[in-house]
Amino acid sequence: VSGGLEVASDRLLQLMKKGVSVEQVARVTRGFT
């Protein structure tokens, strides 16, 4: 799978309206791995 982490910064992810956090990305990606 491929997906956008974009800028790994919770402040900037919120500004981007990405709807994810760095911690959440870590857990999801580890689930796939």
PDB file of all heavy atoms in Angstrom:
ATOM      1  N   VAL A   1       0.857  -1.187   0.000  1.00  0.00           N
ATOM      2  CA  VAL A   1       0.000   0.000   0.000  1.00  0.00           C
ATOM      3  C   VAL A   1       0.891   1.234   0.000  1.00  0.00           C
ATOM      4  O   VAL A   1       2.025   1.209   0.477  1.00  0.00           O
ATOM      5  CB  VAL A   1      -0.945   0.053   1.222  1.00  0.00           C
ATOM      6  CG1 VAL A   1      -1.981  -1.059   1.164  1.00  0.00           C
ATOM      7  CG2 VAL A   1      -0.170   0.022   2.532  1.00  0.00           C
ATOM      8  N   SER A   2       0.364   2.311  -0.551  1.00  0.00           N
ATOM      9  CA  SER A   2       1.040   3.605  -0.488  1.00  0.00           C
ATOM     10  C   SER A   2       0.053   4.613   0.059  1.00  0.00           C
ATOM     11  O   SER A   2      -1.164   4.496  -0.150  1.00  0.00           O
ATOM     12  CB  SER A   2       1.524   4.036  -1.875  1.00  0.00           C
ATOM     13  OG  SER A   2       0.454   4.048  -2.810  1.00  0.00           O
ATOM     14  N   GLY A   3       0.561   5.585   0.789  1.00  0.00           N
ATOM     15  CA  GLY A   3      -0.326   6.582   1.379  1.00  0.00           C
ATOM     16  C   GLY A   3       0.444   7.822   1.775  1.00  0.00           C
ATOM     17  O   GLY A   3       1.676   7.812   1.873  1.00  0.00           O
ATOM     18  N   GLY A   4      -0.276   8.901   2.019  1.00  0.00           N
ATOM     19  CA  GLY A   4       0.363  10.176   2.305  1.00  0.00           C
ATOM     20  C   GLY A   4       0.594  10.402   3.785  1.00  0.00           C
ATOM     21  O   GLY A   4      -0.356  10.494   4.563  1.00  0.00           O
ATOM     22  N   LEU A   5       1.854  10.467   4.171  1.00  0.00           N
ATOM     23  CA  LEU A   5       2.217  10.986   5.491  1.00  0.00           C
ATOM     24  C   LEU A   5       2.480  12.487   5.369  1.00  0.00           C
ATOM     25  O   LEU A   5       2.355  13.237   6.331  1.00  0.00           O
ATOM     26  CB  LEU A   5       3.455  10.250   6.016  1.00  0.00           C
ATOM     27  CG  LEU A   5       4.085  10.773   7.301  1.00  0.00           C
ATOM     28  CD1 LEU A   5       3.064  10.834   8.432  1.00  0.00           C
ATOM     29  CD2 LEU A   5       5.275   9.917   7.716  1.00  0.00           C
ATOM     30  N   GLU A   6       2.843  12.908   4.134  1.00  0.00           N
ATOM     31  CA  GLU A   6       3.126  14.314   3.817  1.00  0.00           C
ATOM     32  C   GLU A   6       4.221  14.841   4.748  1.00  0.00           C
ATOM     33  O   GLU A   6       5.265  14.240   4.863  1.00  0.00           O
ATOM     34  CB  GLU A   6       1.852  15.156   3.886  1.00  0.00           C
ATOM     35  CG  GLU A   6       0.604  14.514   3.268  1.00  0.00           C
ATOM     36  CD  GLU A   6       0.755  13.939   1.872  1.00  0.00           C
ATOM     37  OE1 GLU A   6       1.731  14.229   1.185  1.00  0.00           O
ATOM     38  OE2 GLU A   6      -0.119  13.147   1.460  1.00  0.00           O
ATOM     39  N   VAL A   7       3.965  15.945   5.458  1.00  0.00           N
ATOM     40  CA  VAL A   7       4.940  16.455   6.423  1.00  0.00           C
ATOM     41  C   VAL A   7       4.665  15.776   7.761  1.00  0.00           C
ATOM     42  O   VAL A   7       3.567  15.905   8.309  1.00  0.00           O
ATOM     43  CB  VAL A   7       4.845  17.977   6.577  1.00  0.00           C
ATOM     44  CG1 VAL A   7       5.854  18.459   7.624  1.00  0.00           C
ATOM     45  CG2 VAL A   7       5.098  18.669   5.249  1.00  0.00           C
ATOM     46  N   ALA A   8       5.629  15.026   8.247  1.00  0.00           N
ATOM     47  CA  ALA A   8       5.433  14.288   9.497  1.00  0.00           C
ATOM     48  C   ALA A   8       5.495  15.258  10.677  1.00  0.00           C
ATOM     49  O   ALA A   8       6.458  15.331  11.424  1.00  0.00           O
ATOM     50  CB  ALA A   8       6.491  13.203   9.638  1.00  0.00           C
ATOM     51  N   SER A   9       4.421  16.043  10.794  1.00  0.00           N
ATOM     52  CA  SER A   9       4.303  17.033  11.871  1.00  0.00           C
ATOM     53  C   SER A   9       2.830  17.164  12.186  1.00  0.00           C
ATOM     54  O   SER A   9       2.027  17.471  11.297  1.00  0.00           O
ATOM     55  CB  SER A   9       4.874  18.387  11.412  1.00  0.00           C
ATOM     56  OG  SER A   9       4.311  19.455  12.146  1.00  0.00           O
ATOM     57  N   ASP A  10       2.458  16.928  13.427  1.00  0.00           N
ATOM     58  CA  ASP A  10       1.038  16.998  13.777  1.00  0.00           C
ATOM     59  C   ASP A  10       0.467  18.395  13.530  1.00  0.00           C
ATOM     60  O   ASP A  10      -0.688  18.538  13.119  1.00  0.00           O
ATOM     61  CB  ASP A  10       0.823  16.573  15.221  1.00  0.00           C
ATOM     62  CG  ASP A  10       0.961  15.058  15.402  1.00  0.00           C
ATOM     63  OD1 ASP A  10       0.815  14.331  14.403  1.00  0.00           O
ATOM     64  OD2 ASP A  10       1.228  14.615  16.531  1.00  0.00           O
ATOM     65  N   ARG A  11       1.270  19.446  13.775  1.00  0.00           N
ATOM     66  CA  ARG A  11       0.788  20.813  13.514  1.00  0.00           C
ATOM     67  C   ARG A  11       0.455  20.996  12.039  1.00  0.00           C
ATOM     68  O   ARG A  11      -0.622  21.489  11.675  1.00  0.00           O
ATOM     69  CB  ARG A  11       1.842  21.845  13.932  1.00  0.00           C
ATOM     70  CG  ARG A  11       1.413  23.296  13.624  1.00  0.00           C
ATOM     71  CD  ARG A  11       2.500  24.298  13.940  1.00  0.00           C
ATOM     72  NE  ARG A  11       3.586  24.305  12.961  1.00  0.00           N
ATOM     73  CZ  ARG A  11       3.527  24.985  11.802  1.00  0.00           C
ATOM     74  NH1 ARG A  11       2.452  25.669  11.475  1.00  0.00           N
ATOM     75  NH2 ARG A  11       4.561  24.968  10.977  1.00  0.00           N
ATOM     76  N   LEU A  12       1.382  20.574  11.182  1.00  0.00           N
ATOM     77  CA  LEU A  12       1.171  20.764   9.752  1.00  0.00           C
ATOM     78  C   LEU A  12       0.131  19.799   9.188  1.00  0.00           C
ATOM     79  O   LEU A  12      -0.619  20.154   8.278  1.00  0.00           O
ATOM     80  CB  LEU A  12       2.502  20.636   9.006  1.00  0.00           C
ATOM     81  CG  LEU A  12       3.484  21.775   9.276  1.00  0.00           C
ATOM     82  CD1 LEU A  12       4.853  21.467   8.687  1.00  0.00           C
ATOM     83  CD2 LEU A  12       2.951  23.091   8.720  1.00  0.00           C
ATOM     84  N   LEU A  13       0.070  18.588   9.725  1.00  0.00           N
ATOM     85  CA  LEU A  13      -0.976  17.654   9.293  1.00  0.00           C
ATOM     86  C   LEU A  13      -2.359  18.220   9.603  1.00  0.00           C
ATOM     87  O   LEU A  13      -3.306  18.056   8.817  1.00  0.00           O
ATOM     88  CB  LEU A  13      -0.790  16.290   9.962  1.00  0.00           C
ATOM     89  CG  LEU A  13       0.366  15.436   9.446  1.00  0.00           C
ATOM     90  CD1 LEU A  13       0.582  14.223  10.345  1.00  0.00           C
ATOM     91  CD2 LEU A  13       0.119  14.983   8.007  1.00  0.00           C
ATOM     92  N   GLN A  14      -2.483  18.907  10.731  1.00  0.00           N
ATOM     93  CA  GLN A  14      -3.759  19.527  11.088  1.00  0.00           C
ATOM     94  C   GLN A  14      -4.059  20.697  10.156  1.00  0.00           C
ATOM     95  O   GLN A  14      -5.200  20.864   9.701  1.00  0.00           O
ATOM     96  CB  GLN A  14      -3.719  19.996  12.534  1.00  0.00           C
ATOM     97  CG  GLN A  14      -5.064  20.442  13.066  1.00  0.00           C
ATOM     98  CD  GLN A  14      -5.041  20.688  14.571  1.00  0.00           C
ATOM     99  OE1 GLN A  14      -4.006  20.571  15.217  1.00  0.00           O
ATOM    100  NE2 GLN A  14      -6.186  21.026  15.141  1.00  0.00           N
ATOM    101  N   LEU A  15      -3.026  21.499   9.843  1.00  0.00           N
ATOM    102  CA  LEU A  15      -3.207  22.616   8.914  1.00  0.00           C
ATOM    103  C   LEU A  15      -3.601  22.111   7.529  1.00  0.00           C
ATOM    104  O   LEU A  15      -4.387  22.740   6.820  1.00  0.00           O
ATOM    105  CB  LEU A  15      -1.910  23.433   8.837  1.00  0.00           C
ATOM    106  CG  LEU A  15      -1.941  24.710   7.983  1.00  0.00           C
ATOM    107  CD1 LEU A  15      -2.975  25.704   8.516  1.00  0.00           C
ATOM    108  CD2 LEU A  15      -0.552  25.341   7.925  1.00  0.00           C
ATOM    109  N   MET A  16      -3.066  20.955   7.149  1.00  0.00           N
ATOM    110  CA  MET A  16      -3.393  20.350   5.852  1.00  0.00           C
ATOM    111  C   MET A  16      -4.789  19.733   5.823  1.00  0.00           C
ATOM    112  O   MET A  16      -5.248  19.341   4.753  1.00  0.00           O
ATOM    113  CB  MET A  16      -2.393  19.225   5.544  1.00  0.00           C
ATOM    114  CG  MET A  16      -0.999  19.666   5.222  1.00  0.00           C
ATOM    115  SD  MET A  16       0.037  18.190   4.976  1.00  0.00           S
ATOM    116  CE  MET A  16       1.581  18.965   4.526  1.00  0.00           C
ATOM    117  N   LYS A  17      -5.409  19.587   7.001  1.00  0.00           N
ATOM    118  CA  LYS A  17      -6.684  18.870   7.124  1.00  0.00           C
ATOM    119  C   LYS A  17      -6.536  17.426   6.636  1.00  0.00           C
ATOM    120  O   LYS A  17      -7.412  16.867   5.964  1.00  0.00           O
ATOM    121  CB  LYS A  17      -7.792  19.589   6.354  1.00  0.00           C
ATOM    122  CG  LYS A  17      -8.082  20.999   6.878  1.00  0.00           C
ATOM    123  CD  LYS A  17      -9.220  21.632   6.112  1.00  0.00           C
ATOM    124  CE  LYS A  17      -9.615  22.982   6.728  1.00  0.00           C
ATOM    125  NZ  LYS A  17      -8.539  23.982   6.643  1.00  0.00           N
ATOM    126  N   LYS A  18      -5.407  16.827   6.973  1.00  0.00           N
ATOM    127  CA  LYS A  18      -5.101  15.479   6.531  1.00  0.00           C
ATOM    128  C   LYS A  18      -5.932  14.434   7.270  1.00  0.00           C
ATOM    129  O   LYS A  18      -6.181  13.336   6.759  1.00  0.00           O
ATOM    130  CB  LYS A  18      -3.596  15.199   6.736  1.00  0.00           C
ATOM    131  CG  LYS A  18      -3.102  13.903   6.151  1.00  0.00           C
ATOM    132  CD  LYS A  18      -3.118  13.923   4.635  1.00  0.00           C
ATOM    133  CE  LYS A  18      -2.746  12.571   4.062  1.00  0.00           C
ATOM    134  NZ  LYS A  18      -2.892  12.499   2.611  1.00  0.00           N
ATOM    135  N   GLY A  19      -6.335  14.744   8.498  1.00  0.00           N
ATOM    136  CA  GLY A  19      -7.179  13.826   9.239  1.00  0.00           C
ATOM    137  C   GLY A  19      -6.447  12.651   9.849  1.00  0.00           C
ATOM    138  O   GLY A  19      -7.073  11.657  10.224  1.00  0.00           O
ATOM    139  N   VAL A  20      -5.120  12.753   9.967  1.00  0.00           N
ATOM    140  CA  VAL A  20      -4.340  11.705  10.625  1.00  0.00           C
ATOM    141  C   VAL A  20      -3.283  12.377  11.499  1.00  0.00           C
ATOM    142  O   VAL A  20      -2.991  13.562  11.344  1.00  0.00           O
ATOM    143  CB  VAL A  20      -3.633  10.763   9.608  1.00  0.00           C
ATOM    144  CG1 VAL A  20      -4.647  10.056   8.729  1.00  0.00           C
ATOM    145  CG2 VAL A  20      -2.618  11.532   8.754  1.00  0.00           C
ATOM    146  N   SER A  21      -2.702  11.598  12.400  1.00  0.00           N
ATOM    147  CA  SER A  21      -1.572  12.064  13.205  1.00  0.00           C
ATOM    148  C   SER A  21      -0.385  11.148  12.932  1.00  0.00           C
ATOM    149  O   SER A  21      -0.546  10.048  12.397  1.00  0.00           O
ATOM    150  CB  SER A  21      -1.919  12.022  14.696  1.00  0.00           C
ATOM    151  OG  SER A  21      -2.107  10.669  15.119  1.00  0.00           O
ATOM    152  N   VAL A  22       0.802  11.585  13.321  1.00  0.00           N
ATOM    153  CA  VAL A  22       1.996  10.764  13.131  1.00  0.00           C
ATOM    154  C   VAL A  22       1.862   9.448  13.877  1.00  0.00           C
ATOM    155  O   VAL A  22       2.193   8.371  13.365  1.00  0.00           O
ATOM    156  CB  VAL A  22       3.260  11.521  13.586  1.00  0.00           C
ATOM    157  CG1 VAL A  22       4.486  10.616  13.478  1.00  0.00           C
ATOM    158  CG2 VAL A  22       3.469  12.785  12.749  1.00  0.00           C
ATOM    159  N   GLU A  23       1.353   9.507  15.105  1.00  0.00           N
ATOM    160  CA  GLU A  23       1.207   8.303  15.913  1.00  0.00           C
ATOM    161  C   GLU A  23       0.237   7.314  15.247  1.00  0.00           C
ATOM    162  O   GLU A  23       0.492   6.110  15.211  1.00  0.00           O
ATOM    163  CB  GLU A  23       0.708   8.687  17.307  1.00  0.00           C
ATOM    164  CG  GLU A  23       0.713   7.539  18.297  1.00  0.00           C
ATOM    165  CD  GLU A  23       0.443   8.022  19.718  1.00  0.00           C
ATOM    166  OE1 GLU A  23       0.881   9.142  20.063  1.00  0.00           O
ATOM    167  OE2 GLU A  23      -0.212   7.282  20.464  1.00  0.00           O
ATOM    168  N   GLN A  24      -0.854   7.846  14.712  1.00  0.00           N
ATOM    169  CA  GLN A  24      -1.821   6.982  14.028  1.00  0.00           C
ATOM    170  C   GLN A  24      -1.219   6.340  12.791  1.00  0.00           C
ATOM    171  O   GLN A  24      -1.417   5.149  12.531  1.00  0.00           O
ATOM    172  CB  GLN A  24      -3.050   7.809  13.638  1.00  0.00           C
ATOM    173  CG  GLN A  24      -4.112   7.016  12.877  1.00  0.00           C
ATOM    174  CD  GLN A  24      -5.292   7.897  12.511  1.00  0.00           C
ATOM    175  OE1 GLN A  24      -5.812   8.628  13.342  1.00  0.00           O
ATOM    176  NE2 GLN A  24      -5.714   7.832  11.253  1.00  0.00           N
ATOM    177  N   VAL A  25      -0.457   7.123  12.027  1.00  0.00           N
ATOM    178  CA  VAL A  25       0.205   6.583  10.836  1.00  0.00           C
ATOM    179  C   VAL A  25       1.138   5.450  11.232  1.00  0.00           C
ATOM    180  O   VAL A  25       1.201   4.407  10.559  1.00  0.00           O
ATOM    181  CB  VAL A  25       0.974   7.692  10.085  1.00  0.00           C
ATOM    182  CG1 VAL A  25       1.889   7.093   9.016  1.00  0.00           C
ATOM    183  CG2 VAL A  25       0.006   8.684   9.454  1.00  0.00           C
ATOM    184  N   ALA A  26       1.871   5.632  12.323  1.00  0.00           N
ATOM    185  CA  ALA A  26       2.790   4.585  12.776  1.00  0.00           C
ATOM    186  C   ALA A  26       2.036   3.288  13.064  1.00  0.00           C
ATOM    187  O   ALA A  26       2.460   2.199  12.667  1.00  0.00           O
ATOM    188  CB  ALA A  26       3.542   5.053  14.022  1.00  0.00           C
ATOM    189  N   ARG A  27       0.916   3.386  13.753  1.00  0.00           N
ATOM    190  CA  ARG A  27       0.173   2.189  14.122  1.00  0.00           C
ATOM    191  C   ARG A  27      -0.431   1.503  12.896  1.00  0.00           C
ATOM    192  O   ARG A  27      -0.409   0.269  12.787  1.00  0.00           O
ATOM    193  CB  ARG A  27      -0.921   2.553  15.128  1.00  0.00           C
ATOM    194  CG  ARG A  27      -0.356   2.928  16.495  1.00  0.00           C
ATOM    195  CD  ARG A  27      -1.441   3.398  17.437  1.00  0.00           C
ATOM    196  NE  ARG A  27      -0.885   3.641  18.781  1.00  0.00           N
ATOM    197  CZ  ARG A  27      -1.527   4.276  19.737  1.00  0.00           C
ATOM    198  NH1 ARG A  27      -2.747   4.741  19.520  1.00  0.00           N
ATOM    199  NH2 ARG A  27      -0.962   4.444  20.923  1.00  0.00           N
ATOM    200  N   VAL A  28      -0.979   2.297  11.990  1.00  0.00           N
ATOM    201  CA  VAL A  28      -1.596   1.701  10.792  1.00  0.00           C
ATOM    202  C   VAL A  28      -0.535   1.040   9.919  1.00  0.00           C
ATOM    203  O   VAL A  28      -0.712  -0.094   9.460  1.00  0.00           O
ATOM    204  CB  VAL A  28      -2.375   2.772  10.003  1.00  0.00           C
ATOM    205  CG1 VAL A  28      -2.824   2.216   8.647  1.00  0.00           C
ATOM    206  CG2 VAL A  28      -3.581   3.246  10.803  1.00  0.00           C
ATOM    207  N   THR A  29       0.549   1.750   9.684  1.00  0.00           N
ATOM    208  CA  THR A  29       1.578   1.185   8.809  1.00  0.00           C
ATOM    209  C   THR A  29       2.200  -0.066   9.418  1.00  0.00           C
ATOM    210  O   THR A  29       2.490  -1.026   8.701  1.00  0.00           O
ATOM    211  CB  THR A  29       2.676   2.226   8.504  1.00  0.00           C
ATOM    212  OG1 THR A  29       3.185   2.772   9.741  1.00  0.00           O
ATOM    213  CG2 THR A  29       2.138   3.365   7.660  1.00  0.00           C
ATOM    214  N   ARG A  30       2.372  -0.053  10.732  1.00  0.00           N
ATOM    215  CA  ARG A  30       2.918  -1.250  11.367  1.00  0.00           C
ATOM    216  C   ARG A  30       1.945  -2.425  11.256  1.00  0.00           C
ATOM    217  O   ARG A  30       2.353  -3.582  11.106  1.00  0.00           O
ATOM    218  CB  ARG A  30       3.248  -0.963  12.826  1.00  0.00           C
ATOM    219  CG  ARG A  30       3.919  -2.138  13.551  1.00  0.00           C
ATOM    220  CD  ARG A  30       5.212  -2.588  12.832  1.00  0.00           C
ATOM    221  NE  ARG A  30       5.797  -3.707  13.503  1.00  0.00           N
ATOM    222  CZ  ARG A  30       6.716  -3.599  14.477  1.00  0.00           C
ATOM    223  NH1 ARG A  30       7.126  -2.406  14.859  1.00  0.00           N
ATOM    224  NH2 ARG A  30       7.212  -4.672  15.042  1.00  0.00           N
ATOM    225  N   GLY A  31       0.647  -2.136  11.295  1.00  0.00           N
ATOM    226  CA  GLY A  31      -0.346  -3.184  11.106  1.00  0.00           C
ATOM    227  C   GLY A  31      -0.224  -3.839   9.748  1.00  0.00           C
ATOM    228  O   GLY A  31      -0.324  -5.068   9.606  1.00  0.00           O
ATOM    229  N   PHE A  32       0.022  -3.015   8.721  1.00  0.00           N
ATOM    230  CA  PHE A  32       0.220  -3.573   7.379  1.00  0.00           C
ATOM    231  C   PHE A  32       1.516  -4.375   7.308  1.00  0.00           C
ATOM    232  O   PHE A  32       1.548  -5.486   6.772  1.00  0.00           O
ATOM    233  CB  PHE A  32       0.239  -2.449   6.337  1.00  0.00           C
ATOM    234  CG  PHE A  32      -1.128  -2.027   5.879  1.00  0.00           C
ATOM    235  CD1 PHE A  32      -1.670  -0.811   6.257  1.00  0.00           C
ATOM    236  CD2 PHE A  32      -1.878  -2.853   5.056  1.00  0.00           C
ATOM    237  CE1 PHE A  32      -2.930  -0.415   5.838  1.00  0.00           C
ATOM    238  CE2 PHE A  32      -3.146  -2.471   4.627  1.00  0.00           C
ATOM    239  CZ  PHE A  32      -3.669  -1.257   5.021  1.00  0.00           C
ATOM    240  N   THR A  33       2.601  -3.827   7.860  1.00  0.00           N
ATOM    241  CA  THR A  33       3.882  -4.523   7.830  1.00  0.00           C
ATOM    242  C   THR A  33       3.792  -5.872   8.541  1.00  0.00           C
ATOM    243  O   THR A  33       4.311  -6.885   8.053  1.00  0.00           O
ATOM    244  CB  THR A  33       4.974  -3.654   8.479  1.00  0.00           C
ATOM    245  OG1 THR A  33       5.137  -2.448   7.718  1.00  0.00           O
ATOM    246  CG2 THR A  33       6.304  -4.386   8.504  1.00  0.00           C
TER     247      THR A  33
END
